[in-house]
Amino acid sequence: MGLNLASSLLDSSVWYPDHTAVICGDRRFTFFELERWVAKIAEILVIQGMRIGDKVMLLAPNVPEFTAAYYAILRVGGVVVPINTLLLPHEIAVLLEHSDSRYFIAWHTLAEKAARAFETVDSCNNLFFIGANQEELSESILAHHAVSPLHYPKKFVLDELYNCVTGNIDYVQTSPDDTAVILYTSGTTGKSKGVELTHFNIFSNALYSKDKALYIGHESVTIAVLPLFHTFGQTAIQNTSIMAGSTMVMIPQFEAKRILTDIEKNHVSCIAAVPTMYNLLNQAQRKHRYNVSSLRVAISGGASLPASIFYEFENLFGFKMIEGYGLSETSPIVCVTPAYAKEIKVGSIGTEFFGSQARIMRKDGSFAEAGEVGELVVRGHNVMKGYYKDPSATENAFSNSWLHTGDIAKMDNDRYFYIVDRVKDVIIRAGMNIYPREVEEILHNHPAISEASVIGIPDNTLSENVVACIALHPDVSVTAIEIQRYCRERLATYKCPKFVEFMQTLPKNSTGKILKRELREMLKDKFK
């Protein structure tokens, strides 16, 4: 049986050829136009020698070119390796070499660092610049570039090659278990690993997201505010939208007022974002009151959603946000409360996603009862093939077919799951376990606090001290003593922050997730 994720674009172009597939600023593409564009990129890759199973690195922000290149690579049986646009040249080179990418497609504004990385990796055959013509790229970047895909140079300007091909190329019948995408983890816990996701992993996760969680249909309009190189935005927005034949509005860079303007202008009905983004959207909507009446579905993931953000969103936008949970290794969705559910339990990541199994595992490997805290483990159609070229890490990630997520969780009697914290983030103080999320929930309720993250810093006598890292709302002030007193009134004394660190903003990754590892590194010597 064949299954190629790219077939969903072909299907939508047949059923909805004149329907708008992608909007980005003033640019619009119908499904027919997108499919023809994809076919031309695919043909150029094949002319350059690309074979089934070849890896192609993709470096681009949220622009139509990302989606066109993504589906072109899949169309001819290639493996997409989308990477973070914030990476530096030497970081790109490491991933380029590790992934065995033979081809590299880079957005034109990232051309310089892409070229610097490409020139240090001999195993990569060709670098393609996309989104600009030759005049818009510097001579140094274009050294040894070609004007025809029939030549064999090192560099190409893709936009100038479309007239050289017809796009008369069918999509390859890949196997469901063939690798479709390699996603490199963010590296917040150390060295990045390449997560191998199959065509079936991603296809099924997008299908069930569309039909059983987000209810995205042909008339829906989604908005891509999460980076598409990240698994959440890639599956929950891009792939579901393409599969549904709906319209996707792309936001190249997160900016709250721009997003609310686009929601109003394009009648967006569905958004997926992380809590820090929703916090900023709440703040912008509170000030400017955009017409967001078209918005019907908002899903939060990527990090635990503070209850204060949930309730403020409901007050400002007029409906309840849903929370889901997933990770790169699970394509990504594991649990979610479906949109329009009769019951939404605040603080819960919902129930098991269709076709996915989740359990709470004790340290001895047995399964916990309702209400008991343990590690969340997962198995099902969404679980990765493994870590690319890392059999040891793959083996360590599983036990008896269950994937260890590294998240501490509990389940209630209705099989709703709740994330308590990350295993690595638990603070041990005088022998007592402290879950940072519990403290963070209290801090988020303080009217002066915009962002908060709680970490543990080693201490010679108490094992670890609790440190609250805080960013305040503009034009407000509060002292560390006031914050500590506020916590003591609401928490057991041993859970309260011993130290409070005020910051302009907290360090985040490209999806807006607060980087606790960076905070620990920044403050490791300050509070000894």
Protein backbone atom coordinates (compact mmCIF):
# COMPACT_ATOMS: atom_id res chain seq x y z
CA MET A 1 0.00 0.00 0.00
CA GLY A 2 1.36 3.41 -0.94
CA LEU A 3 0.97 6.58 1.08
CA ASN A 4 2.58 9.92 0.34
CA LEU A 5 1.72 12.93 2.47
CA ALA A 6 2.06 15.08 -0.67
CA SER A 7 -1.03 13.41 -2.14
CA SER A 8 -3.22 15.55 0.15
CA LEU A 9 -2.17 18.68 -1.79
CA LEU A 10 -2.90 16.99 -5.11
CA ASP A 11 -6.35 15.95 -3.85
CA SER A 12 -7.19 19.47 -2.67
CA SER A 13 -6.03 20.95 -5.99
CA VAL A 14 -8.46 18.62 -7.79
CA TRP A 15 -11.42 19.31 -5.49
CA TYR A 16 -10.79 23.02 -4.84
CA PRO A 17 -8.54 24.33 -7.66
CA ASP A 18 -9.68 27.97 -7.45
CA HIS A 19 -9.90 28.18 -3.65
CA THR A 20 -7.21 30.25 -1.93
CA ALA A 21 -4.68 27.93 -0.31
CA VAL A 22 -2.18 30.42 1.11
CA ILE A 23 -2.20 34.11 2.00
CA CYS A 24 0.96 35.93 3.05
CA GLY A 25 0.70 39.69 3.15
CA ASP A 26 -0.45 40.76 -0.31
CA ARG A 27 0.41 37.42 -1.93
CA ARG A 28 -2.25 34.78 -2.58
CA PHE A 29 -2.05 31.34 -4.19
CA THR A 30 -4.89 29.03 -5.15
CA PHE A 31 -4.60 25.29 -4.67
CA PHE A 32 -4.09 24.87 -8.41
CA GLU A 33 -1.28 27.46 -8.44
CA LEU A 34 0.36 25.93 -5.35
CA GLU A 35 0.23 22.43 -6.81
CA ARG A 36 1.79 23.58 -10.12
CA TRP A 37 4.51 25.45 -8.21
CA VAL A 38 5.25 22.36 -6.13
CA ALA A 39 5.50 20.21 -9.26
CA LYS A 40 8.06 22.55 -10.83
CA ILE A 41 10.29 22.57 -7.74
CA ALA A 42 10.01 18.77 -7.62
CA GLU A 43 11.06 18.46 -11.26
CA ILE A 44 14.08 20.72 -10.73
CA LEU A 45 15.19 18.54 -7.81
CA VAL A 46 14.86 15.37 -9.90
CA ILE A 47 16.80 16.93 -12.79
CA GLN A 48 19.58 17.63 -10.31
CA GLY A 49 19.73 13.96 -9.44
CA MET A 50 17.51 13.69 -6.41
CA ARG A 51 16.47 10.13 -5.64
CA ILE A 52 13.81 8.55 -3.42
CA GLY A 53 14.92 8.77 0.20
CA ASP A 54 17.31 11.70 -0.30
CA LYS A 55 17.28 14.27 2.48
CA VAL A 56 16.66 17.93 1.66
CA MET A 57 17.30 20.61 4.27
CA LEU A 58 14.76 23.45 4.31
CA LEU A 59 15.57 26.81 5.91
CA ALA A 60 12.70 29.29 5.62
CA PRO A 61 10.29 31.31 7.76
CA ASN A 62 6.50 31.15 7.44
CA VAL A 63 6.21 32.03 3.77
CA PRO A 64 4.47 30.24 0.87
CA GLU A 65 7.89 29.06 -0.33
CA PHE A 66 8.22 26.90 2.78
CA THR A 67 5.04 24.98 1.97
CA ALA A 68 5.87 24.76 -1.75
CA ALA A 69 9.34 23.33 -1.08
CA TYR A 70 8.05 21.01 1.70
CA TYR A 71 5.48 19.35 -0.56
CA ALA A 72 7.84 19.31 -3.56
CA ILE A 73 10.41 17.29 -1.61
CA LEU A 74 7.75 14.83 -0.44
CA ARG A 75 6.20 14.60 -3.91
CA VAL A 76 9.27 12.90 -5.34
CA GLY A 77 9.95 10.69 -2.32
CA GLY A 78 12.45 12.89 -0.53
CA VAL A 79 12.79 13.52 3.19
CA VAL A 80 12.22 17.08 4.44
CA VAL A 81 14.68 18.35 7.06
CA PRO A 82 13.18 21.68 8.21
CA ILE A 83 15.43 23.62 10.57
CA ASN A 84 15.19 26.61 12.87
CA THR A 85 15.71 29.92 11.07
CA LEU A 86 17.55 31.34 14.10
CA LEU A 87 20.43 28.86 13.88
CA LEU A 88 23.92 30.19 13.21
CA PRO A 89 26.04 28.99 10.24
CA HIS A 90 28.11 26.50 12.27
CA GLU A 91 24.93 25.07 13.83
CA ILE A 92 23.34 24.68 10.41
CA ALA A 93 26.47 22.94 9.14
CA VAL A 94 26.32 20.39 11.98
CA LEU A 95 22.73 19.48 11.12
CA LEU A 96 23.42 19.53 7.38
CA GLU A 97 26.16 16.96 7.84
CA HIS A 98 24.38 14.85 10.48
CA SER A 99 21.18 14.60 8.44
CA ASP A 100 23.09 13.51 5.29
CA SER A 101 21.17 16.17 3.34
CA ARG A 102 22.24 16.08 -0.30
CA TYR A 103 20.26 19.24 -1.14
CA PHE A 104 19.60 22.48 0.71
CA ILE A 105 16.78 25.00 0.03
CA ALA A 106 17.15 28.37 1.78
CA TRP A 107 14.98 31.49 1.91
CA HIS A 108 16.79 34.38 0.23
CA THR A 109 17.13 36.59 3.33
CA LEU A 110 18.93 33.70 5.03
CA ALA A 111 21.16 33.08 2.01
CA GLU A 112 24.40 34.33 3.54
CA LYS A 113 24.42 32.02 6.56
CA ALA A 114 23.05 29.16 4.46
CA ALA A 115 25.93 29.59 2.00
CA ARG A 116 28.51 29.73 4.79
CA ALA A 117 27.20 26.46 6.24
CA PHE A 118 26.86 24.79 2.84
CA GLU A 119 30.45 25.59 1.85
CA THR A 120 31.81 23.67 4.85
CA VAL A 121 29.89 20.44 4.15
CA ASP A 122 31.17 18.41 1.21
CA SER A 123 28.39 15.81 1.33
CA CYS A 124 25.69 18.31 0.28
CA ASN A 125 25.42 18.57 -3.52
CA ASN A 126 23.41 21.71 -4.17
CA LEU A 127 22.16 24.86 -2.49
CA PHE A 128 18.96 26.44 -3.84
CA PHE A 129 17.97 30.00 -2.96
CA ILE A 130 14.23 30.65 -3.03
CA GLY A 131 12.06 33.76 -2.92
CA ALA A 132 14.27 36.17 -4.89
CA ASN A 133 15.86 36.66 -8.29
CA GLN A 134 19.55 36.86 -9.07
CA GLU A 135 19.72 40.67 -8.78
CA GLU A 136 18.52 40.50 -5.16
CA LEU A 137 21.39 38.24 -4.05
CA SER A 138 25.00 39.31 -3.60
CA GLU A 139 27.76 38.23 -5.98
CA SER A 140 29.68 36.46 -3.23
CA ILE A 141 26.65 34.33 -2.36
CA LEU A 142 26.02 33.52 -6.02
CA ALA A 143 29.58 32.46 -6.85
CA HIS A 144 29.40 29.37 -9.07
CA HIS A 145 25.61 29.52 -9.42
CA ALA A 146 23.87 28.27 -12.58
CA VAL A 147 21.21 29.60 -14.93
CA SER A 148 19.82 26.20 -15.96
CA PRO A 149 18.93 23.10 -13.92
CA LEU A 150 20.59 20.99 -16.63
CA HIS A 151 24.01 22.18 -15.51
CA TYR A 152 25.86 20.81 -12.51
CA PRO A 153 27.03 23.70 -10.35
CA LYS A 154 26.71 24.03 -6.64
CA LYS A 155 24.19 26.87 -6.31
CA PHE A 156 20.90 27.81 -7.97
CA VAL A 157 18.33 30.58 -7.78
CA LEU A 158 15.12 28.56 -7.86
CA ASP A 159 12.87 31.42 -8.91
CA GLU A 160 14.79 31.78 -12.19
CA LEU A 161 14.46 28.09 -13.08
CA TYR A 162 10.68 27.67 -13.12
CA ASN A 163 10.46 28.60 -16.81
CA CYS A 164 12.96 25.85 -17.63
CA VAL A 165 10.62 23.04 -16.55
CA THR A 166 7.02 21.97 -17.23
CA GLY A 167 6.11 20.52 -13.85
CA ASN A 168 4.92 17.37 -15.54
CA ILE A 169 5.97 15.02 -12.76
CA ASP A 170 3.83 12.66 -10.71
CA TYR A 171 4.23 12.08 -6.99
CA VAL A 172 6.04 8.95 -5.82
CA GLN A 173 4.11 6.15 -4.10
CA THR A 174 6.10 6.00 -0.89
CA SER A 175 5.37 3.43 1.81
CA PRO A 176 3.49 4.50 4.97
CA ASP A 177 6.56 3.59 7.03
CA ASP A 178 8.99 5.57 4.89
CA THR A 179 10.52 8.59 6.61
CA ALA A 180 8.85 11.83 5.48
CA VAL A 181 10.41 14.39 7.82
CA ILE A 182 13.38 14.61 10.16
CA LEU A 183 12.77 17.17 12.89
CA TYR A 184 15.68 18.26 15.01
CA THR A 185 14.70 18.78 18.62
CA SER A 186 15.28 22.25 20.00
CA GLY A 187 18.19 21.12 22.14
CA THR A 188 16.84 22.67 25.35
CA THR A 189 17.98 19.53 27.20
CA GLY A 190 21.31 19.19 25.41
CA LYS A 191 22.41 17.99 21.98
CA SER A 192 19.71 18.04 19.29
CA LYS A 193 18.44 14.70 17.98
CA GLY A 194 16.85 14.04 14.59
CA VAL A 195 13.31 12.72 15.05
CA GLU A 196 12.27 10.50 12.12
CA LEU A 197 8.55 10.81 11.37
CA THR A 198 6.92 8.65 8.72
CA HIS A 199 4.32 9.53 6.11
CA PHE A 200 1.75 7.65 8.19
CA ASN A 201 2.81 9.36 11.44
CA ILE A 202 2.20 12.82 10.01
CA PHE A 203 -0.72 11.99 7.69
CA SER A 204 -2.75 10.33 10.45
CA ASN A 205 -1.96 13.03 13.02
CA ALA A 206 -3.03 15.75 10.59
CA LEU A 207 -6.16 13.83 9.55
CA TYR A 208 -7.31 13.27 13.12
CA SER A 209 -6.44 16.87 14.05
CA LYS A 210 -8.60 18.08 11.18
CA ASP A 211 -11.57 15.80 11.84
CA LYS A 212 -11.56 15.05 15.57
CA ALA A 213 -9.82 17.94 17.35
CA LEU A 214 -9.77 21.25 15.46
CA TYR A 215 -12.63 20.53 13.03
CA ILE A 216 -10.95 22.27 10.11
CA GLY A 217 -13.06 22.13 6.96
CA HIS A 218 -12.94 23.54 3.45
CA GLU A 219 -14.42 26.88 4.57
CA SER A 220 -12.05 27.27 7.52
CA VAL A 221 -9.29 29.87 7.61
CA THR A 222 -6.27 29.00 9.74
CA ILE A 223 -3.39 31.25 10.73
CA ALA A 224 0.22 30.08 10.93
CA VAL A 225 1.85 32.00 13.77
CA LEU A 226 3.95 29.09 15.01
CA PRO A 227 7.10 28.43 12.96
CA LEU A 228 6.32 25.85 10.29
CA PHE A 229 9.70 24.21 10.85
CA HIS A 230 8.30 23.22 14.27
CA THR A 231 6.11 20.13 14.55
CA PHE A 232 3.10 21.89 16.14
CA GLY A 233 2.62 24.49 13.41
CA GLN A 234 3.63 22.06 10.68
CA THR A 235 0.98 19.45 11.50
CA ALA A 236 -1.81 21.32 13.30
CA ILE A 237 -1.91 24.22 10.83
CA GLN A 238 -0.04 23.60 7.56
CA ASN A 239 -0.77 19.93 6.92
CA THR A 240 -4.34 20.01 8.24
CA SER A 241 -5.13 23.09 6.13
CA ILE A 242 -3.72 21.54 2.96
CA MET A 243 -5.59 18.30 3.67
CA ALA A 244 -8.89 20.12 4.33
CA GLY A 245 -8.63 22.36 1.29
CA SER A 246 -8.88 25.39 3.57
CA THR A 247 -7.06 28.73 3.52
CA MET A 248 -3.89 29.27 5.54
CA VAL A 249 -2.75 32.79 6.48
CA MET A 250 1.01 32.93 7.05
CA ILE A 251 2.76 35.17 9.56
CA PRO A 252 6.54 35.27 8.86
CA GLN A 253 7.33 36.76 12.28
CA PHE A 254 5.24 36.87 15.44
CA GLU A 255 3.83 40.31 16.22
CA ALA A 256 0.60 40.39 18.22
CA LYS A 257 -1.03 43.41 16.54
CA ARG A 258 -0.21 42.08 13.06
CA ILE A 259 -1.80 38.74 13.93
CA LEU A 260 -4.99 40.32 15.29
CA THR A 261 -5.16 42.55 12.20
CA ASP A 262 -4.88 39.50 9.93
CA ILE A 263 -7.51 37.62 11.95
CA GLU A 264 -9.89 40.54 11.43
CA LYS A 265 -8.99 41.12 7.77
CA ASN A 266 -9.04 37.48 6.62
CA HIS A 267 -11.81 36.18 8.91
CA VAL A 268 -9.53 33.62 10.52
CA SER A 269 -11.39 30.83 12.32
CA CYS A 270 -8.57 28.73 13.85
CA ILE A 271 -5.28 29.51 15.57
CA ALA A 272 -2.63 27.33 17.22
CA ALA A 273 -0.07 28.96 19.50
CA VAL A 274 1.92 28.58 22.71
CA PRO A 275 1.02 30.23 26.05
CA THR A 276 3.51 33.10 25.74
CA MET A 277 1.95 34.03 22.38
CA TYR A 278 -1.56 33.96 23.84
CA ASN A 279 -0.35 36.15 26.68
CA LEU A 280 0.83 38.77 24.16
CA LEU A 281 -2.36 38.43 22.10
CA ASN A 282 -4.39 39.02 25.26
CA GLN A 283 -2.41 42.16 26.04
CA ALA A 284 -2.84 43.53 22.50
CA GLN A 285 -6.54 42.72 22.36
CA ARG A 286 -7.10 44.33 25.75
CA LYS A 287 -5.65 47.59 24.41
CA HIS A 288 -7.01 47.73 20.85
CA ARG A 289 -10.14 45.52 20.70
CA TYR A 290 -9.90 44.08 17.17
CA ASN A 291 -12.92 42.43 15.58
CA VAL A 292 -12.05 38.77 16.15
CA SER A 293 -15.59 37.41 15.96
CA SER A 294 -14.61 34.99 13.16
CA LEU A 295 -12.24 33.13 15.50
CA ARG A 296 -13.83 29.92 16.76
CA VAL A 297 -10.98 27.56 17.68
CA ALA A 298 -7.79 28.31 19.60
CA ILE A 299 -5.49 25.52 20.69
CA SER A 300 -2.58 25.97 23.08
CA GLY A 301 0.39 23.62 23.29
CA GLY A 302 4.15 23.54 23.59
CA ALA A 303 4.11 24.43 27.30
CA SER A 304 1.68 24.37 30.21
CA LEU A 305 -1.10 26.92 29.89
CA PRO A 306 -1.53 29.12 32.99
CA ALA A 307 -5.16 29.35 34.10
CA SER A 308 -4.93 33.14 34.21
CA ILE A 309 -4.16 33.28 30.46
CA PHE A 310 -7.03 30.85 29.74
CA TYR A 311 -9.60 32.96 31.59
CA GLU A 312 -8.41 36.27 30.18
CA PHE A 313 -8.54 34.85 26.65
CA GLU A 314 -12.11 33.67 27.26
CA ASN A 315 -13.07 37.11 28.51
CA LEU A 316 -11.46 38.94 25.57
CA PHE A 317 -12.22 36.58 22.68
CA GLY A 318 -15.57 35.20 23.80
CA PHE A 319 -14.90 31.45 23.76
CA LYS A 320 -12.87 28.84 25.59
CA MET A 321 -9.40 27.96 24.42
CA ILE A 322 -8.52 24.24 24.27
CA GLU A 323 -5.23 22.79 25.44
CA GLY A 324 -3.33 19.95 23.85
CA TYR A 325 -0.09 18.15 24.46
CA GLY A 326 2.52 16.68 22.20
CA LEU A 327 6.18 16.54 21.29
CA SER A 328 8.28 16.21 18.17
CA GLU A 329 8.52 12.46 18.74
CA THR A 330 4.71 12.10 18.48
CA SER A 331 3.99 14.03 15.26
CA PRO A 332 3.07 15.93 17.62
CA ILE A 333 -0.39 15.49 19.24
CA VAL A 334 -0.82 12.97 22.09
CA CYS A 335 -3.72 14.45 24.06
CA VAL A 336 -6.22 17.22 23.38
CA THR A 337 -9.61 18.49 24.44
CA PRO A 338 -11.53 18.67 21.14
CA ALA A 339 -12.87 22.04 20.06
CA TYR A 340 -16.53 22.50 21.03
CA ALA A 341 -16.22 19.82 23.73
CA LYS A 342 -19.04 19.86 26.28
CA GLU A 343 -16.53 19.88 29.11
CA ILE A 344 -13.24 21.76 29.12
CA LYS A 345 -11.22 21.18 32.26
CA VAL A 346 -8.94 24.11 32.89
CA GLY A 347 -5.37 22.94 33.43
CA SER A 348 -5.93 19.64 31.62
CA ILE A 349 -4.31 18.69 28.32
CA GLY A 350 -7.43 16.69 27.53
CA THR A 351 -7.92 13.04 26.74
CA GLU A 352 -5.97 10.66 24.55
CA PHE A 353 -5.86 11.65 20.89
CA PHE A 354 -7.64 9.31 18.49
CA GLY A 355 -5.40 6.28 17.88
CA SER A 356 -2.93 7.26 20.61
CA GLN A 357 -2.55 5.57 23.98
CA ALA A 358 -1.25 7.38 27.05
CA ARG A 359 -0.54 6.05 30.53
CA ILE A 360 1.04 7.24 33.78
CA MET A 361 4.00 5.02 34.62
CA ARG A 362 5.51 4.50 38.05
CA LYS A 363 9.28 4.30 38.54
CA ASP A 364 9.04 0.49 38.69
CA GLY A 365 7.44 0.36 35.24
CA SER A 366 3.90 -0.39 36.42
CA PHE A 367 0.95 1.84 35.56
CA ALA A 368 -0.42 4.30 38.09
CA GLU A 369 -4.01 4.71 39.18
CA ALA A 370 -6.14 7.83 38.71
CA GLY A 371 -4.82 10.75 40.73
CA GLU A 372 -1.34 9.28 41.08
CA VAL A 373 1.66 11.21 39.77
CA GLY A 374 4.17 9.52 37.46
CA GLU A 375 5.79 9.80 34.03
CA LEU A 376 3.57 10.14 30.98
CA VAL A 377 4.29 7.40 28.42
CA VAL A 378 2.78 7.07 24.95
CA ARG A 379 2.34 4.61 22.12
CA GLY A 380 0.31 4.65 18.90
CA HIS A 381 0.19 5.72 15.26
CA ASN A 382 1.83 9.05 16.07
CA VAL A 383 5.03 7.77 17.68
CA MET A 384 8.26 8.32 15.77
CA LYS A 385 10.27 5.77 13.87
CA GLY A 386 13.30 6.65 15.99
CA TYR A 387 16.18 9.11 16.29
CA TYR A 388 18.16 9.36 13.06
CA LYS A 389 21.53 7.58 13.31
CA ASP A 390 21.17 7.24 17.07
CA PRO A 391 20.04 3.69 17.98
CA SER A 392 21.18 4.11 21.58
CA ALA A 393 19.00 7.18 22.15
CA THR A 394 16.11 5.45 20.40
CA GLU A 395 16.43 2.39 22.63
CA ASN A 396 16.62 4.55 25.77
CA ALA A 397 13.47 6.44 24.77
CA PHE A 398 11.30 3.32 24.85
CA SER A 399 10.37 0.57 27.28
CA ASN A 400 8.09 -2.26 26.14
CA SER A 401 6.97 -0.16 23.13
CA TRP A 402 6.04 2.82 25.34
CA LEU A 403 7.75 6.16 24.55
CA HIS A 404 8.97 8.00 27.64
CA THR A 405 8.02 11.65 27.34
CA GLY A 406 10.02 12.96 30.29
CA ASP A 407 6.91 14.74 31.59
CA ILE A 408 5.42 14.17 35.03
CA ALA A 409 1.65 13.91 34.85
CA LYS A 410 -1.49 12.52 36.41
CA MET A 411 -4.85 11.30 35.12
CA ASP A 412 -8.30 11.78 36.65
CA ASN A 413 -11.20 9.32 36.73
CA ASP A 414 -12.52 10.66 33.39
CA ARG A 415 -9.15 9.94 31.72
CA TYR A 416 -8.28 13.63 31.43
CA PHE A 417 -4.53 14.14 31.74
CA TYR A 418 -2.69 16.90 33.59
CA ILE A 419 0.97 17.81 33.16
CA VAL A 420 2.57 18.40 36.55
CA ASP A 421 6.06 19.26 35.29
CA ARG A 422 9.09 18.08 33.38
CA VAL A 423 11.08 15.33 35.11
CA LYS A 424 14.25 17.41 34.73
CA ASP A 425 12.57 20.55 36.11
CA VAL A 426 11.44 19.11 39.44
CA ILE A 427 13.13 20.97 42.31
CA ILE A 428 14.24 18.96 45.35
CA ARG A 429 14.44 21.10 48.48
CA ALA A 430 15.32 19.46 51.82
CA GLY A 431 14.07 16.14 50.44
CA MET A 432 10.75 17.60 49.27
CA ASN A 433 9.67 17.59 45.61
CA ILE A 434 8.57 20.97 44.30
CA TYR A 435 6.84 21.21 40.93
CA PRO A 436 7.67 24.60 39.33
CA ARG A 437 4.39 24.75 37.44
CA GLU A 438 2.45 24.96 40.72
CA VAL A 439 4.48 28.00 41.78
CA GLU A 440 4.27 29.53 38.30
CA GLU A 441 0.45 29.31 38.35
CA ILE A 442 0.45 31.41 41.52
CA LEU A 443 2.88 33.96 40.05
CA HIS A 444 0.86 34.32 36.83
CA ASN A 445 -2.11 35.44 38.92
CA HIS A 446 -0.19 38.43 40.29
CA PRO A 447 -1.42 41.55 38.46
CA ALA A 448 2.09 42.99 38.02
CA ILE A 449 3.64 39.90 36.44
CA SER A 450 3.73 39.43 32.67
CA GLU A 451 5.95 36.32 32.51
CA ALA A 452 7.22 33.93 35.15
CA SER A 453 9.39 30.85 35.27
CA VAL A 454 10.55 28.95 38.32
CA ILE A 455 13.84 27.04 38.46
CA GLY A 456 16.00 25.27 41.00
CA ILE A 457 19.54 26.45 41.78
CA PRO A 458 21.91 24.06 43.64
CA ASP A 459 22.41 24.75 47.34
CA ASN A 460 24.88 23.01 49.66
CA THR A 461 22.39 22.50 52.48
CA LEU A 462 18.92 22.31 50.93
CA SER A 463 19.87 20.52 47.67
CA GLU A 464 18.19 23.26 45.62
CA ASN A 465 16.78 26.72 46.18
CA VAL A 466 13.63 27.94 44.45
CA VAL A 467 14.26 30.94 42.18
CA ALA A 468 11.43 32.88 40.52
CA CYS A 469 12.42 34.60 37.25
CA ILE A 470 9.94 37.36 36.50
CA ALA A 471 9.17 39.94 33.81
CA LEU A 472 6.73 42.69 34.80
CA HIS A 473 4.04 44.45 32.81
CA PRO A 474 5.11 47.90 31.53
CA ASP A 475 4.87 50.81 33.96
CA VAL A 476 4.34 48.69 37.09
CA SER A 477 6.68 47.92 39.95
CA VAL A 478 6.85 45.36 42.72
CA THR A 479 9.60 44.25 45.06
CA ALA A 480 11.03 40.78 45.63
CA ILE A 481 9.76 40.87 49.22
CA GLU A 482 6.22 41.59 47.99
CA ILE A 483 6.42 38.65 45.56
CA GLN A 484 7.67 36.32 48.28
CA ARG A 485 4.93 37.46 50.68
CA TYR A 486 2.33 36.93 47.93
CA CYS A 487 3.56 33.34 47.43
CA ARG A 488 3.68 32.55 51.17
CA GLU A 489 0.01 33.48 51.45
CA ARG A 490 -0.87 30.90 48.79
CA LEU A 491 1.74 28.13 49.03
CA ALA A 492 3.44 25.97 51.62
CA THR A 493 6.58 27.74 52.81
CA TYR A 494 9.01 25.19 51.32
CA LYS A 495 7.56 25.83 47.82
CA CYS A 496 8.01 29.59 47.95
CA PRO A 497 10.84 31.33 46.06
CA LYS A 498 13.89 32.05 48.17
CA PHE A 499 15.14 34.39 45.45
CA VAL A 500 13.37 36.58 42.88
CA GLU A 501 15.16 37.64 39.70
CA PHE A 502 13.60 40.48 37.69
CA MET A 503 14.25 40.52 33.92
CA GLN A 504 13.10 42.62 30.97
CA THR A 505 12.05 39.44 29.19
CA LEU A 506 12.64 35.73 29.71
CA PRO A 507 14.75 33.77 27.19
CA LYS A 508 12.64 31.79 24.73
CA ASN A 509 13.10 29.47 21.78
CA SER A 510 11.66 30.11 18.33
CA THR A 511 8.19 28.94 19.35
CA GLY A 512 8.04 31.15 22.43
CA LYS A 513 8.77 28.41 24.95
CA ILE A 514 10.70 29.72 27.97
CA LEU A 515 14.17 28.20 28.14
CA LYS A 516 14.73 27.06 31.71
CA ARG A 517 18.09 25.60 30.86
CA GLU A 518 19.31 29.08 29.86
CA LEU A 519 17.90 30.57 33.05
CA ARG A 520 19.70 27.97 35.16
CA GLU A 521 22.95 28.66 33.30
CA MET A 522 22.57 32.44 33.68
CA LEU A 523 21.90 32.27 37.42
CA LYS A 524 23.92 29.24 38.54
CA ASP A 525 26.57 31.34 40.32
CA LYS A 526 24.41 34.25 41.49
CA PHE A 527 22.53 32.68 44.39
CA LYS A 528 25.12 30.38 45.95
